[in-house]
Amino acid sequence: MPRAERVLGQQARRATMKAAFQVQHSKEHPMALRADMNAVQKPTLEGLPKGMLLMKAVATSICGSDLWGASTCPQHAWRGVIDHFYSKQGAVGGSGHEVIAEVIEVVEPSLRRPGELVLCMTTSYIQSSKAVKESFEMKTQFSAENLPKQGSFCEYFISYDDLTVTVPDHAPPGYPAFNRLWYVAAQPVGTVIHAFKKVPSVLNMTAAVIGQGPNGLLVTQMLRMLGCQKIIAVDRLQYRLEASKRMGAHGVICSEQASDGEVVERLKEMNGGQLADIAVEVVGHHASALDLACSATKAFSSVLIFGLPPHESHSSFTIRWQDYSRNLRYITTHAPDMDCFRLGMLLLSEGRLNIMPLFSHTFRFDSFGEAFETSSGYKADVLKSLIVFPDFEKHLEMKADEVAKM
């Protein structure tokens, strides 16, 4: 295997770093998770091929897919276990994958230089996407299995030239209060773009969006941008539905105390007695949200399955006869390519998508356990949590008192 020819950058001695680990919550809640912080060895570029990068995390955010364990709260018992519970538990940096970082060192030749601020993917992205893995191994002649396995919930991690997108140094037009670190949302926006590349035109249609977590809110706004005539958002949490209105929903339905049948009837009342032309399931974890999405749509319509399915040992997604017989079209979506993230960054930088309502909380990395518990427990009306790392402020034009508030 080829070895690094020259490493450009700080070339610091092997040292330790702080990293978060998602581990079993407790004996009382064996299928739930908590986040622990530990000191581990900082990764190095030693022995890695050209184009590899040592990154210093600046800001990361918590995705709904990072909440892959069951909830400890009885009122959120609907949230089941998805496959990550077994494949990523105990990984350095957990399942974190939405991250902005500073390039610290590079293996020459490289497209990047130390000091650049980029949206980037961790090595887990290479290892989990067949197409990305094949491209990486062809270019580098290096086995992806020999890369360190990391998520972005840690101070330093390894990335690769082709997995980076430059972070703009300006706020989007019309949004002067925009925090530059919010460009981390280009990652989830990219996953939404990837999904809608598979969907037929939604012009002049009515859409039902089941689930209004961070990605559900982005789906709602994307549907509006793509020309949907009416968007009806459904969620169990009322405070999320208030955000739905700000993100473009024309109508909202709280499903916390309602049966699927009652939700469908309410949707029809809001849509002139008609079911939706398309539904998007943005919950995952179990089959019931998918069943509701199917019930909310007309025969021969499309159902986009954005939420991650449950682990096979739990209540799996199933296709019911009543949905099959209506010739519904199921669309799955997973593993977007880098072009989707680049387009996501472009849409944000040009102000074509407004994510200002999305980031409800900001935490320091030292408080990651609290951030994870807040997001996992749907506390304090949390929508999306931004996690900032030491020295993040050097990438922002902020006064000292503004930094102190973060």
Protein backbone atom coordinates (compact mmCIF):
# COMPACT_ATOMS: atom_id res chain seq x y z
CA MET A 1 0.00 0.00 0.00
CA PRO A 2 1.29 3.51 -0.78
CA ARG A 3 2.54 5.57 2.14
CA ALA A 4 2.27 9.31 2.66
CA GLU A 5 4.95 11.15 0.68
CA ARG A 6 4.73 14.45 2.53
CA VAL A 7 2.48 15.82 5.25
CA LEU A 8 1.85 19.56 5.11
CA GLY A 9 0.61 21.35 8.22
CA GLN A 10 1.17 21.47 11.94
CA GLN A 11 2.46 17.89 12.22
CA ALA A 12 1.78 17.87 15.94
CA ARG A 13 3.06 15.05 18.11
CA ARG A 14 0.71 12.19 18.88
CA ALA A 15 -1.62 13.55 21.53
CA THR A 16 -5.01 12.95 23.06
CA MET A 17 -8.32 14.55 22.20
CA LYS A 18 -11.84 14.57 23.58
CA ALA A 19 -14.35 12.34 21.86
CA ALA A 20 -17.99 11.52 22.51
CA PHE A 21 -19.25 7.95 22.53
CA GLN A 22 -22.86 6.83 22.22
CA VAL A 23 -23.27 3.90 24.58
CA GLN A 24 -26.00 1.87 26.26
CA HIS A 25 -27.96 4.19 28.52
CA SER A 26 -28.40 1.92 31.55
CA LYS A 27 -29.61 -1.50 32.68
CA GLU A 28 -33.08 0.01 33.10
CA HIS A 29 -33.01 1.27 29.50
CA PRO A 30 -30.85 -1.26 27.59
CA MET A 31 -32.09 -0.16 24.14
CA ALA A 32 -31.60 3.55 24.80
CA LEU A 33 -28.40 5.58 24.52
CA ARG A 34 -26.46 8.22 26.36
CA ALA A 35 -23.36 10.17 25.33
CA ASP A 36 -20.11 9.79 27.29
CA MET A 37 -17.00 11.92 26.84
CA ASN A 38 -13.55 10.30 26.96
CA ALA A 39 -9.95 11.14 26.12
CA VAL A 40 -8.57 9.08 23.23
CA GLN A 41 -5.58 9.25 20.94
CA LYS A 42 -5.74 11.95 18.30
CA PRO A 43 -5.67 10.45 14.77
CA THR A 44 -2.68 11.01 12.50
CA LEU A 45 -2.09 10.89 8.74
CA GLU A 46 0.78 8.48 9.10
CA GLY A 47 0.61 5.78 6.41
CA LEU A 48 -2.43 7.26 4.69
CA PRO A 49 -2.57 8.04 0.95
CA LYS A 50 -2.43 11.36 -0.89
CA GLY A 51 -5.35 13.68 -0.44
CA MET A 52 -6.09 12.60 3.13
CA LEU A 53 -6.78 15.38 5.62
CA LEU A 54 -6.51 15.82 9.37
CA MET A 55 -9.46 17.95 10.43
CA LYS A 56 -10.10 20.00 13.56
CA ALA A 57 -13.83 20.14 14.26
CA VAL A 58 -15.30 23.64 14.48
CA ALA A 59 -19.03 22.88 14.60
CA THR A 60 -21.18 19.79 14.32
CA SER A 61 -24.90 19.22 14.63
CA ILE A 62 -27.12 16.41 15.83
CA CYS A 63 -29.21 14.67 13.19
CA GLY A 64 -32.36 12.67 13.82
CA SER A 65 -30.47 9.60 12.60
CA ASP A 66 -28.03 10.07 15.52
CA LEU A 67 -30.92 9.28 17.86
CA TRP A 68 -30.80 5.62 16.93
CA GLY A 69 -31.73 4.23 20.33
CA ALA A 70 -35.13 3.94 21.95
CA SER A 71 -36.36 6.84 24.07
CA THR A 72 -36.19 6.71 27.87
CA CYS A 73 -39.33 8.85 28.08
CA PRO A 74 -42.68 6.99 28.22
CA GLN A 75 -44.33 9.73 26.17
CA HIS A 76 -41.86 9.06 23.35
CA ALA A 77 -42.17 5.27 23.40
CA TRP A 78 -42.98 5.38 19.67
CA ARG A 79 -39.26 5.82 18.93
CA GLY A 80 -37.74 2.41 18.33
CA VAL A 81 -34.26 1.15 17.49
CA ILE A 82 -32.63 1.54 14.08
CA ASP A 83 -29.68 -0.42 12.71
CA HIS A 84 -27.01 2.01 13.97
CA PHE A 85 -27.70 0.75 17.50
CA TYR A 86 -25.59 -2.30 16.78
CA SER A 87 -23.18 -1.03 14.14
CA LYS A 88 -22.04 2.29 15.64
CA GLN A 89 -22.39 1.93 19.39
CA GLY A 90 -19.10 2.79 21.07
CA ALA A 91 -17.50 4.29 17.92
CA VAL A 92 -15.07 7.19 18.39
CA GLY A 93 -17.07 10.32 17.64
CA GLY A 94 -20.27 8.28 17.54
CA SER A 95 -22.48 8.54 14.48
CA GLY A 96 -21.84 12.27 13.96
CA HIS A 97 -21.77 13.20 10.27
CA GLU A 98 -22.85 16.84 9.97
CA VAL A 99 -19.67 18.84 10.52
CA ILE A 100 -17.71 21.95 9.57
CA ALA A 101 -13.98 21.68 10.27
CA GLU A 102 -10.64 23.38 9.72
CA VAL A 103 -7.96 21.64 7.68
CA ILE A 104 -4.96 21.08 9.97
CA GLU A 105 -2.69 18.78 7.96
CA VAL A 106 -2.80 17.29 4.45
CA VAL A 107 -1.03 14.47 2.66
CA GLU A 108 0.48 15.99 -0.48
CA PRO A 109 -0.52 16.33 -3.23
CA SER A 110 -3.84 17.70 -1.97
CA LEU A 111 -6.55 20.06 -3.18
CA ARG A 112 -6.74 21.59 0.29
CA ARG A 113 -4.42 23.71 2.41
CA PRO A 114 -4.15 24.06 6.20
CA GLY A 115 -6.43 26.74 7.59
CA GLU A 116 -9.31 26.25 5.13
CA LEU A 117 -12.82 25.91 6.57
CA VAL A 118 -14.90 23.21 4.92
CA LEU A 119 -17.99 21.10 5.25
CA CYS A 120 -16.66 17.56 5.17
CA MET A 121 -17.51 13.92 5.56
CA THR A 122 -15.75 11.58 7.96
CA THR A 123 -14.20 8.25 6.96
CA SER A 124 -17.46 6.55 7.93
CA TYR A 125 -18.99 8.08 4.80
CA ILE A 126 -16.38 6.31 2.66
CA GLN A 127 -16.91 3.02 4.43
CA SER A 128 -20.71 3.07 4.36
CA SER A 129 -21.31 4.12 0.74
CA LYS A 130 -20.42 1.50 -1.86
CA ALA A 131 -20.00 4.03 -4.69
CA VAL A 132 -17.83 6.38 -2.59
CA LYS A 133 -15.76 3.46 -1.31
CA GLU A 134 -15.08 2.15 -4.82
CA SER A 135 -14.11 5.61 -6.09
CA PHE A 136 -11.79 6.20 -3.11
CA GLU A 137 -10.03 2.85 -3.46
CA MET A 138 -9.60 3.27 -7.23
CA LYS A 139 -8.04 6.73 -6.84
CA THR A 140 -5.81 5.97 -3.87
CA GLN A 141 -5.14 2.23 -4.22
CA PHE A 142 -5.79 2.11 -0.49
CA SER A 143 -8.33 -0.10 1.27
CA ALA A 144 -11.10 1.91 2.93
CA GLU A 145 -11.23 -0.74 5.64
CA ASN A 146 -7.80 0.42 6.82
CA LEU A 147 -9.04 3.95 7.51
CA PRO A 148 -9.85 4.89 11.10
CA LYS A 149 -13.56 4.55 11.87
CA GLN A 150 -14.83 7.84 13.25
CA GLY A 151 -17.84 10.08 13.55
CA SER A 152 -17.73 13.86 13.94
CA PHE A 153 -18.51 14.07 17.67
CA CYS A 154 -14.81 14.50 18.46
CA GLU A 155 -12.18 17.20 18.30
CA TYR A 156 -10.13 15.75 15.44
CA PHE A 157 -10.91 13.29 12.66
CA ILE A 158 -9.71 12.14 9.23
CA SER A 159 -11.31 13.21 5.95
CA TYR A 160 -10.40 13.22 2.25
CA ASP A 161 -10.06 15.85 -0.50
CA ASP A 162 -13.07 14.69 -2.49
CA LEU A 163 -15.30 14.77 0.60
CA THR A 164 -15.04 18.51 1.27
CA VAL A 165 -17.05 21.61 0.33
CA THR A 166 -15.74 25.14 0.96
CA VAL A 167 -17.73 27.09 3.54
CA PRO A 168 -18.68 30.57 2.23
CA ASP A 169 -17.23 33.54 4.09
CA HIS A 170 -20.42 35.60 3.74
CA ALA A 171 -24.00 35.47 4.99
CA PRO A 172 -26.76 34.62 2.49
CA PRO A 173 -28.41 37.68 0.90
CA GLY A 174 -31.22 38.98 3.09
CA TYR A 175 -30.00 37.17 6.22
CA PRO A 176 -27.45 39.49 7.90
CA ALA A 177 -27.81 37.70 11.27
CA PHE A 178 -26.85 34.36 9.73
CA ASN A 179 -24.26 32.42 11.76
CA ARG A 180 -21.55 31.14 9.42
CA LEU A 181 -21.47 27.84 11.30
CA TRP A 182 -25.09 27.22 10.27
CA TYR A 183 -23.70 26.28 6.85
CA VAL A 184 -23.27 22.85 8.46
CA ALA A 185 -26.92 22.43 7.41
CA ALA A 186 -25.69 21.94 3.84
CA GLN A 187 -25.24 18.29 4.83
CA PRO A 188 -28.88 17.59 5.74
CA VAL A 189 -30.02 19.83 2.88
CA GLY A 190 -27.93 17.59 0.60
CA THR A 191 -29.74 14.49 1.85
CA VAL A 192 -33.07 16.16 1.05
CA ILE A 193 -31.82 17.09 -2.43
CA HIS A 194 -30.73 13.48 -3.00
CA ALA A 195 -34.23 12.31 -2.06
CA PHE A 196 -36.06 14.74 -4.32
CA LYS A 197 -33.88 13.89 -7.32
CA LYS A 198 -35.85 10.61 -7.34
CA VAL A 199 -39.31 12.16 -7.01
CA PRO A 200 -41.53 13.19 -9.95
CA SER A 201 -42.52 16.83 -10.27
CA VAL A 202 -44.59 18.13 -7.35
CA LEU A 203 -45.79 21.27 -9.14
CA ASN A 204 -49.34 22.20 -8.15
CA MET A 205 -49.66 19.12 -5.91
CA THR A 206 -50.72 18.61 -2.30
CA ALA A 207 -48.06 16.98 -0.13
CA ALA A 208 -48.32 15.38 3.30
CA VAL A 209 -45.10 15.41 5.35
CA ILE A 210 -45.14 12.95 8.25
CA GLY A 211 -42.59 14.09 10.82
CA GLN A 212 -41.36 17.63 11.46
CA GLY A 213 -37.98 17.09 13.04
CA PRO A 214 -35.05 19.00 11.47
CA ASN A 215 -35.11 16.99 8.23
CA GLY A 216 -38.89 17.07 8.07
CA LEU A 217 -38.76 20.85 8.28
CA LEU A 218 -36.22 20.94 5.44
CA VAL A 219 -38.46 18.64 3.38
CA THR A 220 -41.35 21.03 3.99
CA GLN A 221 -39.34 23.99 2.75
CA MET A 222 -37.98 22.06 -0.24
CA LEU A 223 -41.52 21.11 -1.32
CA ARG A 224 -42.52 24.76 -1.18
CA MET A 225 -39.49 25.76 -3.26
CA LEU A 226 -40.31 23.04 -5.83
CA GLY A 227 -43.79 24.42 -6.41
CA CYS A 228 -46.11 22.38 -4.19
CA GLN A 229 -49.53 24.03 -4.05
CA LYS A 230 -50.32 22.84 -0.52
CA ILE A 231 -48.11 21.29 2.16
CA ILE A 232 -49.68 19.67 5.21
CA ALA A 233 -47.26 18.83 8.03
CA VAL A 234 -47.95 16.16 10.66
CA ASP A 235 -46.10 15.67 13.95
CA ARG A 236 -46.69 14.61 17.55
CA LEU A 237 -45.04 17.72 19.00
CA GLN A 238 -46.95 20.99 18.76
CA TYR A 239 -43.87 23.20 19.04
CA ARG A 240 -42.42 21.56 15.94
CA LEU A 241 -45.60 22.36 14.04
CA GLU A 242 -45.16 26.03 14.92
CA ALA A 243 -41.78 25.82 13.20
CA SER A 244 -43.46 24.06 10.25
CA LYS A 245 -45.51 27.17 9.58
CA ARG A 246 -42.34 29.28 9.52
CA MET A 247 -40.72 26.79 7.14
CA GLY A 248 -43.57 26.86 4.61
CA ALA A 249 -46.37 24.50 5.69
CA HIS A 250 -49.85 25.65 4.69
CA GLY A 251 -51.54 23.47 7.32
CA VAL A 252 -50.48 21.42 10.33
CA ILE A 253 -51.93 18.45 12.21
CA CYS A 254 -50.86 17.34 15.69
CA SER A 255 -51.02 13.53 15.84
CA GLU A 256 -50.18 13.10 19.55
CA GLN A 257 -53.74 12.29 20.65
CA ALA A 258 -55.12 11.31 17.24
CA SER A 259 -55.51 7.97 15.48
CA ASP A 260 -54.26 7.53 11.91
CA GLY A 261 -57.85 7.65 10.72
CA GLU A 262 -58.46 10.94 12.50
CA VAL A 263 -55.29 12.44 11.00
CA VAL A 264 -56.36 11.36 7.51
CA GLU A 265 -59.83 12.85 7.97
CA ARG A 266 -58.33 16.12 9.19
CA LEU A 267 -56.02 16.17 6.15
CA LYS A 268 -58.99 15.67 3.82
CA GLU A 269 -60.86 18.52 5.51
CA MET A 270 -57.86 20.77 4.81
CA ASN A 271 -57.60 19.59 1.20
CA GLY A 272 -61.14 19.84 -0.14
CA GLY A 273 -62.04 16.26 0.74
CA GLN A 274 -59.05 14.83 -1.15
CA LEU A 275 -56.08 12.78 -0.04
CA ALA A 276 -52.56 14.04 -0.76
CA ASP A 277 -50.89 13.61 -4.16
CA ILE A 278 -47.59 12.65 -2.50
CA ALA A 279 -46.47 11.83 1.04
CA VAL A 280 -43.04 11.98 2.63
CA GLU A 281 -42.26 9.82 5.67
CA VAL A 282 -39.57 11.56 7.77
CA VAL A 283 -39.82 9.64 11.04
CA GLY A 284 -38.33 6.17 10.61
CA HIS A 285 -37.73 3.82 13.57
CA HIS A 286 -40.96 1.83 13.07
CA ALA A 287 -43.70 1.07 10.55
CA SER A 288 -46.56 3.18 11.87
CA ALA A 289 -45.42 6.48 10.31
CA LEU A 290 -45.04 4.75 6.95
CA ASP A 291 -48.55 3.32 7.30
CA LEU A 292 -49.89 6.80 7.99
CA ALA A 293 -48.05 8.24 4.98
CA CYS A 294 -49.61 5.59 2.76
CA SER A 295 -53.08 6.17 4.19
CA ALA A 296 -52.74 9.90 3.50
CA THR A 297 -52.13 9.50 -0.24
CA LYS A 298 -54.26 8.81 -3.28
CA ALA A 299 -54.07 5.60 -5.30
CA PHE A 300 -51.17 5.51 -7.79
CA SER A 301 -49.35 8.22 -5.80
CA SER A 302 -45.77 8.28 -4.49
CA VAL A 303 -44.56 7.76 -0.94
CA LEU A 304 -41.01 8.93 -0.27
CA ILE A 305 -39.42 6.99 2.62
CA PHE A 306 -36.85 9.37 4.10
CA GLY A 307 -36.84 8.06 7.69
CA LEU A 308 -34.45 5.21 8.48
CA PRO A 309 -36.11 1.81 8.96
CA PRO A 310 -35.93 -0.08 12.25
CA HIS A 311 -33.41 -2.78 12.97
CA GLU A 312 -34.51 -6.16 11.59
CA SER A 313 -34.95 -7.57 15.10
CA HIS A 314 -37.62 -4.93 15.79
CA SER A 315 -40.90 -3.90 14.17
CA SER A 316 -39.82 -3.72 10.54
CA PHE A 317 -41.38 -1.72 7.74
CA THR A 318 -44.08 -3.73 5.98
CA ILE A 319 -46.19 -3.09 2.90
CA ARG A 320 -49.85 -3.56 3.78
CA TRP A 321 -52.24 -5.09 1.27
CA GLN A 322 -54.46 -2.02 1.42
CA ASP A 323 -51.53 0.08 0.22
CA TYR A 324 -50.13 -2.46 -2.24
CA SER A 325 -53.53 -2.85 -3.90
CA ARG A 326 -53.74 0.92 -4.49
CA ASN A 327 -50.55 0.77 -6.60
CA LEU A 328 -48.56 3.13 -4.41
CA ARG A 329 -45.03 3.90 -5.53
CA TYR A 330 -42.45 3.55 -2.74
CA ILE A 331 -39.25 5.61 -3.10
CA THR A 332 -36.28 4.98 -0.81
CA THR A 333 -33.32 7.29 -0.36
CA HIS A 334 -29.88 6.79 1.16
CA ALA A 335 -26.20 7.80 0.75
CA PRO A 336 -26.22 11.11 -1.21
CA ASP A 337 -23.16 11.97 -3.26
CA MET A 338 -20.99 15.04 -2.76
CA ASP A 339 -22.70 16.92 -5.58
CA CYS A 340 -25.85 16.98 -3.42
CA PHE A 341 -23.92 18.60 -0.56
CA ARG A 342 -22.34 21.13 -2.94
CA LEU A 343 -25.77 22.08 -4.26
CA GLY A 344 -27.03 22.28 -0.68
CA MET A 345 -24.27 24.75 0.15
CA LEU A 346 -25.12 26.79 -2.96
CA LEU A 347 -28.82 26.98 -2.06
CA LEU A 348 -27.96 28.15 1.45
CA SER A 349 -25.32 30.67 0.37
CA GLU A 350 -27.69 32.25 -2.16
CA GLY A 351 -30.50 32.50 0.38
CA ARG A 352 -32.83 30.22 -1.55
CA LEU A 353 -33.52 28.17 1.58
CA ASN A 354 -34.13 29.79 4.95
CA ILE A 355 -32.75 27.70 7.83
CA MET A 356 -32.85 30.54 10.37
CA PRO A 357 -35.68 28.87 12.37
CA LEU A 358 -33.89 25.51 12.41
CA PHE A 359 -31.08 25.92 14.97
CA SER A 360 -32.84 26.29 18.30
CA HIS A 361 -29.94 25.42 20.64
CA THR A 362 -26.17 25.88 20.78
CA PHE A 363 -23.90 23.88 23.11
CA ARG A 364 -20.17 23.80 23.77
CA PHE A 365 -18.59 20.43 22.99
CA ASP A 366 -17.75 19.95 26.67
CA SER A 367 -21.52 19.80 27.21
CA PHE A 368 -22.17 17.26 24.48
CA GLY A 369 -23.85 14.88 26.93
CA GLU A 370 -26.41 17.56 27.75
CA ALA A 371 -26.86 18.37 24.06
CA PHE A 372 -27.50 14.73 23.21
CA GLU A 373 -29.93 14.28 26.11
CA THR A 374 -31.80 17.44 25.11
CA SER A 375 -32.17 16.28 21.51
CA SER A 376 -32.89 12.67 22.39
CA GLY A 377 -35.54 13.63 24.95
CA TYR A 378 -37.10 16.41 22.84
CA LYS A 379 -36.52 18.82 25.73
CA ALA A 380 -36.75 22.60 25.85
CA ASP A 381 -38.57 22.74 22.49
CA VAL A 382 -35.41 21.61 20.73
CA LEU A 383 -35.36 21.52 16.94
CA LYS A 384 -31.70 21.25 15.96
CA SER A 385 -28.65 21.56 18.21
CA LEU A 386 -25.40 23.14 17.05
CA ILE A 387 -22.27 21.95 18.89
CA VAL A 388 -19.28 24.31 18.83
CA PHE A 389 -15.69 23.31 19.58
CA PRO A 390 -12.84 25.25 21.21
CA ASP A 391 -11.63 28.22 19.13
CA PHE A 392 -14.76 28.22 16.95
CA GLU A 393 -15.03 31.99 17.32
CA LYS A 394 -11.99 32.64 15.12
CA HIS A 395 -14.13 31.65 12.15
CA LEU A 396 -16.84 34.16 13.04
CA GLU A 397 -17.07 37.93 13.13
CA MET A 398 -18.46 38.11 16.65
CA LYS A 399 -17.94 40.34 19.64
CA ALA A 400 -16.64 38.81 22.86
CA ASP A 401 -19.98 39.21 24.65
CA GLU A 402 -21.78 37.42 21.77
CA VAL A 403 -19.33 34.52 21.96
CA ALA A 404 -19.83 34.28 25.73
CA LYS A 405 -23.56 33.75 25.22
CA MET A 406 -22.98 30.66 23.04
